[in-house]
């Protein structure tokens, strides 16, 4: 074998190694935000035309089916690209307020609420952008960022007014007595209310399973007015499962994703109990036929 022929063969091998097969670019785009270890098996990833030799490993997650609820213990960024169409997203994203005390009272909800939580939340909501309706309870500073990320929707700010707010640094600042949510609907998205105000008054839960747990009544109010009976509602940050409880009581299908095993187990238990005591006699709103959707 001549040295010249051998050199040509090595050159061809080198070129072949850096050639990306047709269609792989699309695949890499789909899984841009998913670590290789969490991607579906049998996919070989290519980055900048360089193949990563080893195969990706299947992302393992725990899944429970309770009634019409599908509950998944996993990182929502790994699961969301695998889901089909849903009718609405109703969630309570991490506020990213932990460990930002500035010398005042310290808040520490855990790693899930630490630095970078807002970025994770925005990425998750972007993966849900095809949902006709999105409701996301959030921090004051996050509201505008969500609106920018989910542009092209008719929007409102939903407000939960709390007559019993938690006293935090009351001697230094106004006591926060409300929480906000982004509400955005695409043209033609279902809405069951009739001149419903965007404000809900109610007390916070006396006993909490999660540090940012919302009242069941609040989530029932949202679900009742934003989803039709039998619709599929998704919560990518399920927490202790209050959105799932509301869906179980109101006859909506539910998909919930939670990354913390502790809260996932609590959510499973709460939703199972909710199916034992559904709101059979709750009045379902009827969708109003509107002439047009105005982007306001």
C-alpha atoms as a PDB file:
ATOM      1  CA  UNK A   1       0.000   0.000   0.000  1.00  0.00           C
ATOM      2  CA  UNK A   2       1.535   3.297  -1.070  1.00  0.00           C
ATOM      3  CA  UNK A   3       1.974   6.176   1.308  1.00  0.00           C
ATOM      4  CA  UNK A   4       0.117   8.453  -1.142  1.00  0.00           C
ATOM      5  CA  UNK A   5      -2.950   6.177  -1.242  1.00  0.00           C
ATOM      6  CA  UNK A   6      -2.929   5.813   2.553  1.00  0.00           C
ATOM      7  CA  UNK A   7      -2.806   9.596   2.978  1.00  0.00           C
ATOM      8  CA  UNK A   8      -5.837  10.000   0.664  1.00  0.00           C
ATOM      9  CA  UNK A   9      -7.782   7.408   2.660  1.00  0.00           C
ATOM     10  CA  UNK A  10      -7.055   9.217   5.950  1.00  0.00           C
ATOM     11  CA  UNK A  11      -8.194  12.481   4.372  1.00  0.00           C
ATOM     12  CA  UNK A  12     -11.503  10.922   3.246  1.00  0.00           C
ATOM     13  CA  UNK A  13     -12.088   9.529   6.738  1.00  0.00           C
ATOM     14  CA  UNK A  14     -11.514  12.949   8.240  1.00  0.00           C
ATOM     15  CA  UNK A  15     -13.994  14.583   5.869  1.00  0.00           C
ATOM     16  CA  UNK A  16     -16.584  11.859   6.471  1.00  0.00           C
ATOM     17  CA  UNK A  17     -16.352  12.349  10.245  1.00  0.00           C
ATOM     18  CA  UNK A  18     -17.334  16.007   9.938  1.00  0.00           C
ATOM     19  CA  UNK A  19     -20.161  15.517   7.446  1.00  0.00           C
ATOM     20  CA  UNK A  20     -23.623  15.954   8.950  1.00  0.00           C
ATOM     21  CA  UNK A  21     -26.286  13.616   7.481  1.00  0.00           C
ATOM     22  CA  UNK A  22     -29.388  15.196   6.014  1.00  0.00           C
ATOM     23  CA  UNK A  23     -32.012  15.960   8.661  1.00  0.00           C
ATOM     24  CA  UNK A  24     -29.635  15.952  11.623  1.00  0.00           C
ATOM     25  CA  UNK A  25     -29.548  19.747  11.744  1.00  0.00           C
ATOM     26  CA  UNK A  26     -33.283  19.750  12.462  1.00  0.00           C
ATOM     27  CA  UNK A  27     -32.839  17.111  15.123  1.00  0.00           C
ATOM     28  CA  UNK A  28     -30.107  19.092  16.834  1.00  0.00           C
ATOM     29  CA  UNK A  29     -32.313  22.189  16.794  1.00  0.00           C
ATOM     30  CA  UNK A  30     -35.179  20.343  18.464  1.00  0.00           C
ATOM     31  CA  UNK A  31     -32.981  19.135  21.290  1.00  0.00           C
ATOM     32  CA  UNK A  32     -30.891  22.259  21.728  1.00  0.00           C
ATOM     33  CA  UNK A  33     -32.009  22.769  25.333  1.00  0.00           C
ATOM     34  CA  UNK A  34     -31.881  19.083  26.284  1.00  0.00           C
ATOM     35  CA  UNK A  35     -28.681  17.614  27.747  1.00  0.00           C
ATOM     36  CA  UNK A  36     -27.401  14.678  25.722  1.00  0.00           C
ATOM     37  CA  UNK A  37     -27.928  12.335  28.656  1.00  0.00           C
ATOM     38  CA  UNK A  38     -31.616  13.256  28.669  1.00  0.00           C
ATOM     39  CA  UNK A  39     -32.374  12.858  24.977  1.00  0.00           C
ATOM     40  CA  UNK A  40     -34.152   9.919  23.351  1.00  0.00           C
ATOM     41  CA  UNK A  41     -31.999   6.872  22.693  1.00  0.00           C
ATOM     42  CA  UNK A  42     -30.573   5.966  19.287  1.00  0.00           C
ATOM     43  CA  UNK A  43     -29.997   9.614  18.373  1.00  0.00           C
ATOM     44  CA  UNK A  44     -26.434  10.636  17.662  1.00  0.00           C
ATOM     45  CA  UNK A  45     -25.935  14.354  18.233  1.00  0.00           C
ATOM     46  CA  UNK A  46     -23.961  16.609  15.925  1.00  0.00           C
ATOM     47  CA  UNK A  47     -22.628  19.962  17.100  1.00  0.00           C
ATOM     48  CA  UNK A  48     -20.999  22.375  14.645  1.00  0.00           C
ATOM     49  CA  UNK A  49     -20.622  19.531  12.150  1.00  0.00           C
ATOM     50  CA  UNK A  50     -18.708  17.368  14.654  1.00  0.00           C
ATOM     51  CA  UNK A  51     -20.280  14.096  15.655  1.00  0.00           C
ATOM     52  CA  UNK A  52     -20.464  13.085  19.298  1.00  0.00           C
ATOM     53  CA  UNK A  53     -19.585   9.421  19.093  1.00  0.00           C
ATOM     54  CA  UNK A  54     -21.514   7.915  21.996  1.00  0.00           C
ATOM     55  CA  UNK A  55     -25.289   7.495  21.885  1.00  0.00           C
ATOM     56  CA  UNK A  56     -27.597   9.609  23.977  1.00  0.00           C
ATOM     57  CA  UNK A  57     -29.159   7.911  26.974  1.00  0.00           C
ATOM     58  CA  UNK A  58     -32.906   7.831  27.538  1.00  0.00           C
ATOM     59  CA  UNK A  59     -34.140  10.344  30.114  1.00  0.00           C
ATOM     60  CA  UNK A  60     -35.844   8.289  32.775  1.00  0.00           C
ATOM     61  CA  UNK A  61     -38.808   9.735  34.586  1.00  0.00           C
ATOM     62  CA  UNK A  62     -41.507   8.460  36.857  1.00  0.00           C
ATOM     63  CA  UNK A  63     -45.072   8.691  35.628  1.00  0.00           C
ATOM     64  CA  UNK A  64     -48.359   8.198  37.462  1.00  0.00           C
ATOM     65  CA  UNK A  65     -51.854   8.041  35.946  1.00  0.00           C
ATOM     66  CA  UNK A  66     -54.623   9.065  38.344  1.00  0.00           C
ATOM     67  CA  UNK A  67     -58.056   9.395  36.775  1.00  0.00           C
ATOM     68  CA  UNK A  68     -57.666  11.802  33.853  1.00  0.00           C
ATOM     69  CA  UNK A  69     -54.414  13.156  35.287  1.00  0.00           C
ATOM     70  CA  UNK A  70     -51.002  12.245  33.922  1.00  0.00           C
ATOM     71  CA  UNK A  71     -48.301  13.157  36.459  1.00  0.00           C
ATOM     72  CA  UNK A  72     -44.618  13.124  35.545  1.00  0.00           C
ATOM     73  CA  UNK A  73     -41.621  13.389  37.877  1.00  0.00           C
ATOM     74  CA  UNK A  74     -38.937  14.990  35.712  1.00  0.00           C
ATOM     75  CA  UNK A  75     -37.411  18.232  34.474  1.00  0.00           C
ATOM     76  CA  UNK A  76     -40.109  19.905  32.392  1.00  0.00           C
ATOM     77  CA  UNK A  77     -37.543  21.006  29.801  1.00  0.00           C
ATOM     78  CA  UNK A  78     -36.940  17.339  29.025  1.00  0.00           C
ATOM     79  CA  UNK A  79     -40.612  16.363  28.903  1.00  0.00           C
ATOM     80  CA  UNK A  80     -42.307  19.265  27.132  1.00  0.00           C
ATOM     81  CA  UNK A  81     -40.845  18.532  23.656  1.00  0.00           C
ATOM     82  CA  UNK A  82     -42.383  15.033  23.854  1.00  0.00           C
ATOM     83  CA  UNK A  83     -45.939  16.141  24.631  1.00  0.00           C
ATOM     84  CA  UNK A  84     -48.722  16.614  22.140  1.00  0.00           C
ATOM     85  CA  UNK A  85     -51.232  19.426  21.896  1.00  0.00           C
ATOM     86  CA  UNK A  86     -52.839  20.835  25.029  1.00  0.00           C
ATOM     87  CA  UNK A  87     -55.715  23.292  25.345  1.00  0.00           C
ATOM     88  CA  UNK A  88     -54.261  25.465  28.073  1.00  0.00           C
ATOM     89  CA  UNK A  89     -51.255  25.959  30.306  1.00  0.00           C
ATOM     90  CA  UNK A  90     -52.017  26.987  33.879  1.00  0.00           C
ATOM     91  CA  UNK A  91     -48.928  27.163  36.041  1.00  0.00           C
ATOM     92  CA  UNK A  92     -47.081  28.922  38.852  1.00  0.00           C
ATOM     93  CA  UNK A  93     -43.476  29.441  37.803  1.00  0.00           C
ATOM     94  CA  UNK A  94     -40.525  29.773  40.222  1.00  0.00           C
ATOM     95  CA  UNK A  95     -40.266  33.448  41.218  1.00  0.00           C
ATOM     96  CA  UNK A  96     -36.463  33.457  41.637  1.00  0.00           C
ATOM     97  CA  UNK A  97     -36.707  35.340  44.926  1.00  0.00           C
ATOM     98  CA  UNK A  98     -34.726  32.967  47.125  1.00  0.00           C
ATOM     99  CA  UNK A  99     -31.567  34.291  48.774  1.00  0.00           C
ATOM    100  CA  UNK A 100     -32.133  37.857  47.574  1.00  0.00           C
ATOM    101  CA  UNK A 101     -32.602  39.421  51.001  1.00  0.00           C
ATOM    102  CA  UNK A 102     -30.494  42.609  50.630  1.00  0.00           C
ATOM    103  CA  UNK A 103     -30.058  42.586  54.368  1.00  0.00           C
ATOM    104  CA  UNK A 104     -33.758  42.073  55.083  1.00  0.00           C
ATOM    105  CA  UNK A 105     -35.611  38.861  55.876  1.00  0.00           C
ATOM    106  CA  UNK A 106     -34.043  35.923  54.054  1.00  0.00           C
ATOM    107  CA  UNK A 107     -36.084  33.716  51.723  1.00  0.00           C
ATOM    108  CA  UNK A 108     -34.778  30.336  50.666  1.00  0.00           C
ATOM    109  CA  UNK A 109     -37.241  28.064  48.897  1.00  0.00           C
ATOM    110  CA  UNK A 110     -34.556  25.779  47.501  1.00  0.00           C
ATOM    111  CA  UNK A 111     -32.441  25.311  44.398  1.00  0.00           C
ATOM    112  CA  UNK A 112     -35.498  25.237  42.131  1.00  0.00           C
ATOM    113  CA  UNK A 113     -36.095  28.928  42.975  1.00  0.00           C
ATOM    114  CA  UNK A 114     -32.473  30.047  42.846  1.00  0.00           C
ATOM    115  CA  UNK A 115     -30.523  32.030  40.235  1.00  0.00           C
ATOM    116  CA  UNK A 116     -31.520  31.119  36.694  1.00  0.00           C
ATOM    117  CA  UNK A 117     -35.070  30.071  37.620  1.00  0.00           C
ATOM    118  CA  UNK A 118     -36.594  32.809  35.482  1.00  0.00           C
ATOM    119  CA  UNK A 119     -34.598  31.710  32.443  1.00  0.00           C
ATOM    120  CA  UNK A 120     -35.737  28.105  32.936  1.00  0.00           C
ATOM    121  CA  UNK A 121     -39.342  29.277  33.277  1.00  0.00           C
ATOM    122  CA  UNK A 122     -39.187  31.350  30.093  1.00  0.00           C
ATOM    123  CA  UNK A 123     -37.692  28.446  28.176  1.00  0.00           C
ATOM    124  CA  UNK A 124     -40.456  26.179  29.437  1.00  0.00           C
ATOM    125  CA  UNK A 125     -43.189  28.649  28.481  1.00  0.00           C
ATOM    126  CA  UNK A 126     -41.623  29.019  25.039  1.00  0.00           C
ATOM    127  CA  UNK A 127     -41.961  25.258  24.580  1.00  0.00           C
ATOM    128  CA  UNK A 128     -45.678  25.722  25.357  1.00  0.00           C
ATOM    129  CA  UNK A 129     -46.139  28.582  22.893  1.00  0.00           C
ATOM    130  CA  UNK A 130     -48.643  26.671  20.734  1.00  0.00           C
ATOM    131  CA  UNK A 131     -51.110  26.314  23.611  1.00  0.00           C
ATOM    132  CA  UNK A 132     -54.173  28.494  22.867  1.00  0.00           C
ATOM    133  CA  UNK A 133     -54.272  29.825  26.445  1.00  0.00           C
ATOM    134  CA  UNK A 134     -51.440  30.379  28.901  1.00  0.00           C
ATOM    135  CA  UNK A 135     -51.803  31.515  32.507  1.00  0.00           C
ATOM    136  CA  UNK A 136     -48.609  31.852  34.539  1.00  0.00           C
ATOM    137  CA  UNK A 137     -48.499  33.119  38.103  1.00  0.00           C
ATOM    138  CA  UNK A 138     -45.213  34.917  38.501  1.00  0.00           C
ATOM    139  CA  UNK A 139     -43.183  37.567  40.278  1.00  0.00           C
ATOM    140  CA  UNK A 140     -43.637  41.252  39.522  1.00  0.00           C
ATOM    141  CA  UNK A 141     -40.337  41.444  37.638  1.00  0.00           C
ATOM    142  CA  UNK A 142     -41.168  38.395  35.527  1.00  0.00           C
ATOM    143  CA  UNK A 143     -44.492  39.626  34.166  1.00  0.00           C
ATOM    144  CA  UNK A 144     -43.070  41.792  31.384  1.00  0.00           C
ATOM    145  CA  UNK A 145     -40.512  39.158  30.401  1.00  0.00           C
ATOM    146  CA  UNK A 146     -43.258  36.572  29.925  1.00  0.00           C
ATOM    147  CA  UNK A 147     -45.315  39.000  27.839  1.00  0.00           C
ATOM    148  CA  UNK A 148     -42.289  39.660  25.616  1.00  0.00           C
ATOM    149  CA  UNK A 149     -41.584  35.950  25.213  1.00  0.00           C
ATOM    150  CA  UNK A 150     -45.218  35.068  24.413  1.00  0.00           C
ATOM    151  CA  UNK A 151     -46.011  37.904  22.033  1.00  0.00           C
ATOM    152  CA  UNK A 152     -48.937  37.871  19.609  1.00  0.00           C
ATOM    153  CA  UNK A 153     -51.591  37.164  22.240  1.00  0.00           C
ATOM    154  CA  UNK A 154     -54.466  39.112  23.721  1.00  0.00           C
ATOM    155  CA  UNK A 155     -53.285  39.622  27.282  1.00  0.00           C
ATOM    156  CA  UNK A 156     -54.476  40.587  30.725  1.00  0.00           C
ATOM    157  CA  UNK A 157     -52.845  40.668  34.136  1.00  0.00           C
ATOM    158  CA  UNK A 158     -54.697  38.527  36.635  1.00  0.00           C
ATOM    159  CA  UNK A 159     -54.540  39.605  40.275  1.00  0.00           C
ATOM    160  CA  UNK A 160     -55.001  37.617  43.455  1.00  0.00           C
ATOM    161  CA  UNK A 161     -55.779  40.030  46.299  1.00  0.00           C
ATOM    162  CA  UNK A 162     -54.925  38.582  49.717  1.00  0.00           C
ATOM    163  CA  UNK A 163     -56.716  39.947  52.793  1.00  0.00           C
ATOM    164  CA  UNK A 164     -54.263  37.971  54.974  1.00  0.00           C
ATOM    165  CA  UNK A 165     -50.860  38.656  53.396  1.00  0.00           C
ATOM    166  CA  UNK A 166     -47.684  37.305  54.930  1.00  0.00           C
ATOM    167  CA  UNK A 167     -45.885  40.019  56.873  1.00  0.00           C
ATOM    168  CA  UNK A 168     -42.442  40.385  55.324  1.00  0.00           C
ATOM    169  CA  UNK A 169     -40.288  43.329  56.442  1.00  0.00           C
ATOM    170  CA  UNK A 170     -43.397  45.328  57.327  1.00  0.00           C
ATOM    171  CA  UNK A 171     -41.318  47.835  59.242  1.00  0.00           C
ATOM    172  CA  UNK A 172     -39.282  48.654  56.124  1.00  0.00           C
ATOM    173  CA  UNK A 173     -41.586  48.153  53.114  1.00  0.00           C
ATOM    174  CA  UNK A 174     -45.220  47.980  52.059  1.00  0.00           C
ATOM    175  CA  UNK A 175     -46.636  44.540  52.789  1.00  0.00           C
ATOM    176  CA  UNK A 176     -47.259  42.743  49.485  1.00  0.00           C
ATOM    177  CA  UNK A 177     -50.940  41.877  49.439  1.00  0.00           C
ATOM    178  CA  UNK A 178     -51.390  40.669  45.876  1.00  0.00           C
ATOM    179  CA  UNK A 179     -49.900  38.212  43.403  1.00  0.00           C
ATOM    180  CA  UNK A 180     -49.927  38.537  39.638  1.00  0.00           C
ATOM    181  CA  UNK A 181     -50.347  36.220  36.692  1.00  0.00           C
ATOM    182  CA  UNK A 182     -49.805  36.590  32.972  1.00  0.00           C
ATOM    183  CA  UNK A 183     -52.893  35.645  30.953  1.00  0.00           C
ATOM    184  CA  UNK A 184     -52.553  35.382  27.191  1.00  0.00           C
ATOM    185  CA  UNK A 185     -54.844  33.822  24.601  1.00  0.00           C
ATOM    186  CA  UNK A 186     -54.390  33.219  20.918  1.00  0.00           C
ATOM    187  CA  UNK A 187     -57.177  34.218  18.503  1.00  0.00           C
ATOM    188  CA  UNK A 188     -60.041  31.759  18.816  1.00  0.00           C
ATOM    189  CA  UNK A 189     -58.911  30.342  22.162  1.00  0.00           C
ATOM    190  CA  UNK A 190     -61.740  29.179  24.411  1.00  0.00           C
ATOM    191  CA  UNK A 191     -62.981  31.567  27.102  1.00  0.00           C
ATOM    192  CA  UNK A 192     -65.918  30.651  29.289  1.00  0.00           C
ATOM    193  CA  UNK A 193     -66.454  33.841  31.227  1.00  0.00           C
ATOM    194  CA  UNK A 194     -68.912  36.642  30.659  1.00  0.00           C
ATOM    195  CA  UNK A 195     -67.599  40.022  31.794  1.00  0.00           C
ATOM    196  CA  UNK A 196     -65.393  38.366  34.403  1.00  0.00           C
ATOM    197  CA  UNK A 197     -63.111  40.747  36.275  1.00  0.00           C
ATOM    198  CA  UNK A 198     -59.415  39.926  36.339  1.00  0.00           C
ATOM    199  CA  UNK A 199     -59.235  40.086  40.139  1.00  0.00           C
ATOM    200  CA  UNK A 200     -59.812  37.258  42.611  1.00  0.00           C
ATOM    201  CA  UNK A 201     -60.148  37.893  46.349  1.00  0.00           C
ATOM    202  CA  UNK A 202     -59.341  35.101  48.757  1.00  0.00           C
ATOM    203  CA  UNK A 203     -57.156  34.042  51.638  1.00  0.00           C
ATOM    204  CA  UNK A 204     -53.955  32.057  51.332  1.00  0.00           C
ATOM    205  CA  UNK A 205     -54.056  28.388  52.403  1.00  0.00           C
ATOM    206  CA  UNK A 206     -53.719  27.998  56.170  1.00  0.00           C
ATOM    207  CA  UNK A 207     -51.784  24.769  55.739  1.00  0.00           C
ATOM    208  CA  UNK A 208     -49.288  24.664  52.903  1.00  0.00           C
ATOM    209  CA  UNK A 209     -47.635  21.680  51.285  1.00  0.00           C
ATOM    210  CA  UNK A 210     -45.457  23.982  49.154  1.00  0.00           C
ATOM    211  CA  UNK A 211     -43.931  27.392  49.989  1.00  0.00           C
ATOM    212  CA  UNK A 212     -45.709  29.135  47.090  1.00  0.00           C
ATOM    213  CA  UNK A 213     -48.914  27.077  47.128  1.00  0.00           C
ATOM    214  CA  UNK A 214     -51.981  28.842  45.744  1.00  0.00           C
ATOM    215  CA  UNK A 215     -55.541  28.448  47.065  1.00  0.00           C
ATOM    216  CA  UNK A 216     -57.565  25.751  45.335  1.00  0.00           C
ATOM    217  CA  UNK A 217     -60.350  28.295  44.828  1.00  0.00           C
ATOM    218  CA  UNK A 218     -58.013  30.566  42.886  1.00  0.00           C
ATOM    219  CA  UNK A 219     -56.963  27.817  40.489  1.00  0.00           C
ATOM    220  CA  UNK A 220     -60.557  26.633  40.085  1.00  0.00           C
ATOM    221  CA  UNK A 221     -61.490  30.193  39.093  1.00  0.00           C
ATOM    222  CA  UNK A 222     -58.748  30.217  36.452  1.00  0.00           C
ATOM    223  CA  UNK A 223     -59.405  26.711  35.115  1.00  0.00           C
ATOM    224  CA  UNK A 224     -63.167  27.224  35.012  1.00  0.00           C
ATOM    225  CA  UNK A 225     -62.887  30.356  32.880  1.00  0.00           C
ATOM    226  CA  UNK A 226     -60.035  29.347  30.571  1.00  0.00           C
ATOM    227  CA  UNK A 227     -60.729  25.689  29.727  1.00  0.00           C
ATOM    228  CA  UNK A 228     -63.777  23.907  28.358  1.00  0.00           C
ATOM    229  CA  UNK A 229     -65.096  20.790  30.110  1.00  0.00           C
ATOM    230  CA  UNK A 230     -62.938  17.856  29.093  1.00  0.00           C
ATOM    231  CA  UNK A 231     -60.075  20.059  27.893  1.00  0.00           C
ATOM    232  CA  UNK A 232     -56.426  19.186  28.513  1.00  0.00           C
ATOM    233  CA  UNK A 233     -54.665  21.495  30.952  1.00  0.00           C
ATOM    234  CA  UNK A 234     -50.884  21.433  31.449  1.00  0.00           C
ATOM    235  CA  UNK A 235     -48.833  22.582  34.442  1.00  0.00           C
ATOM    236  CA  UNK A 236     -45.066  22.272  33.803  1.00  0.00           C
ATOM    237  CA  UNK A 237     -44.267  23.468  37.341  1.00  0.00           C
ATOM    238  CA  UNK A 238     -46.819  21.377  39.214  1.00  0.00           C
ATOM    239  CA  UNK A 239     -45.490  21.811  42.753  1.00  0.00           C
ATOM    240  CA  UNK A 240     -47.947  20.281  45.200  1.00  0.00           C
ATOM    241  CA  UNK A 241     -50.572  19.850  42.460  1.00  0.00           C
ATOM    242  CA  UNK A 242     -53.166  22.566  43.105  1.00  0.00           C
ATOM    243  CA  UNK A 243     -53.858  23.042  39.383  1.00  0.00           C
ATOM    244  CA  UNK A 244     -54.357  19.285  39.104  1.00  0.00           C
ATOM    245  CA  UNK A 245     -56.745  19.330  42.054  1.00  0.00           C
ATOM    246  CA  UNK A 246     -58.794  22.047  40.355  1.00  0.00           C
ATOM    247  CA  UNK A 247     -58.892  20.076  37.097  1.00  0.00           C
ATOM    248  CA  UNK A 248     -59.933  16.884  38.876  1.00  0.00           C
ATOM    249  CA  UNK A 249     -62.811  18.646  40.581  1.00  0.00           C
ATOM    250  CA  UNK A 250     -63.961  20.445  37.443  1.00  0.00           C
ATOM    251  CA  UNK A 251     -63.796  17.597  34.933  1.00  0.00           C
ATOM    252  CA  UNK A 252     -60.697  18.695  33.007  1.00  0.00           C
ATOM    253  CA  UNK A 253     -57.873  16.442  31.903  1.00  0.00           C
ATOM    254  CA  UNK A 254     -54.515  17.287  33.416  1.00  0.00           C
ATOM    255  CA  UNK A 255     -50.819  16.867  32.697  1.00  0.00           C
ATOM    256  CA  UNK A 256     -48.500  17.871  35.521  1.00  0.00           C
ATOM    257  CA  UNK A 257     -44.701  17.902  35.600  1.00  0.00           C
ATOM    258  CA  UNK A 258     -42.681  18.315  38.797  1.00  0.00           C
ATOM    259  CA  UNK A 259     -38.939  17.998  39.343  1.00  0.00           C
ATOM    260  CA  UNK A 260     -38.907  17.598  43.152  1.00  0.00           C
ATOM    261  CA  UNK A 261     -39.826  14.048  44.355  1.00  0.00           C
ATOM    262  CA  UNK A 262     -41.154  15.394  47.656  1.00  0.00           C
ATOM    263  CA  UNK A 263     -43.709  17.682  46.020  1.00  0.00           C
ATOM    264  CA  UNK A 264     -44.503  15.146  43.304  1.00  0.00           C
ATOM    265  CA  UNK A 265     -45.601  12.608  45.926  1.00  0.00           C
ATOM    266  CA  UNK A 266     -47.712  15.268  47.651  1.00  0.00           C
ATOM    267  CA  UNK A 267     -49.343  16.197  44.336  1.00  0.00           C
ATOM    268  CA  UNK A 268     -50.190  12.571  43.584  1.00  0.00           C
ATOM    269  CA  UNK A 269     -51.876  12.205  46.953  1.00  0.00           C
ATOM    270  CA  UNK A 270     -53.818  15.476  46.695  1.00  0.00           C
ATOM    271  CA  UNK A 271     -55.057  14.782  43.161  1.00  0.00           C
ATOM    272  CA  UNK A 272     -56.099  11.253  44.105  1.00  0.00           C
ATOM    273  CA  UNK A 273     -58.118  12.686  46.992  1.00  0.00           C
ATOM    274  CA  UNK A 274     -59.654  15.299  44.677  1.00  0.00           C
ATOM    275  CA  UNK A 275     -60.993  12.598  42.361  1.00  0.00           C
ATOM    276  CA  UNK A 276     -62.779  11.074  45.329  1.00  0.00           C
ATOM    277  CA  UNK A 277     -64.616  14.365  45.924  1.00  0.00           C
ATOM    278  CA  UNK A 278     -65.292  16.042  42.540  1.00  0.00           C
ATOM    279  CA  UNK A 279     -67.496  19.125  42.233  1.00  0.00           C
ATOM    280  CA  UNK A 280     -70.345  17.382  40.461  1.00  0.00           C
ATOM    281  CA  UNK A 281     -72.745  20.296  40.798  1.00  0.00           C
ATOM    282  CA  UNK A 282     -70.450  23.107  39.788  1.00  0.00           C
ATOM    283  CA  UNK A 283     -71.910  25.222  37.008  1.00  0.00           C
ATOM    284  CA  UNK A 284     -69.830  25.028  33.858  1.00  0.00           C
ATOM    285  CA  UNK A 285     -69.592  28.331  31.987  1.00  0.00           C
ATOM    286  CA  UNK A 286     -70.597  28.436  28.349  1.00  0.00           C
ATOM    287  CA  UNK A 287     -68.220  29.960  25.833  1.00  0.00           C
ATOM    288  CA  UNK A 288     -69.400  33.250  24.421  1.00  0.00           C
ATOM    289  CA  UNK A 289     -69.234  33.694  20.659  1.00  0.00           C
ATOM    290  CA  UNK A 290     -67.216  36.828  19.937  1.00  0.00           C
ATOM    291  CA  UNK A 291     -66.906  38.670  16.655  1.00  0.00           C
ATOM    292  CA  UNK A 292     -63.156  39.170  16.904  1.00  0.00           C
ATOM    293  CA  UNK A 293     -60.171  38.963  19.184  1.00  0.00           C
ATOM    294  CA  UNK A 294     -58.534  42.308  19.794  1.00  0.00           C
ATOM    295  CA  UNK A 295     -54.851  42.301  20.664  1.00  0.00           C
ATOM    296  CA  UNK A 296     -54.736  44.667  23.617  1.00  0.00           C
END
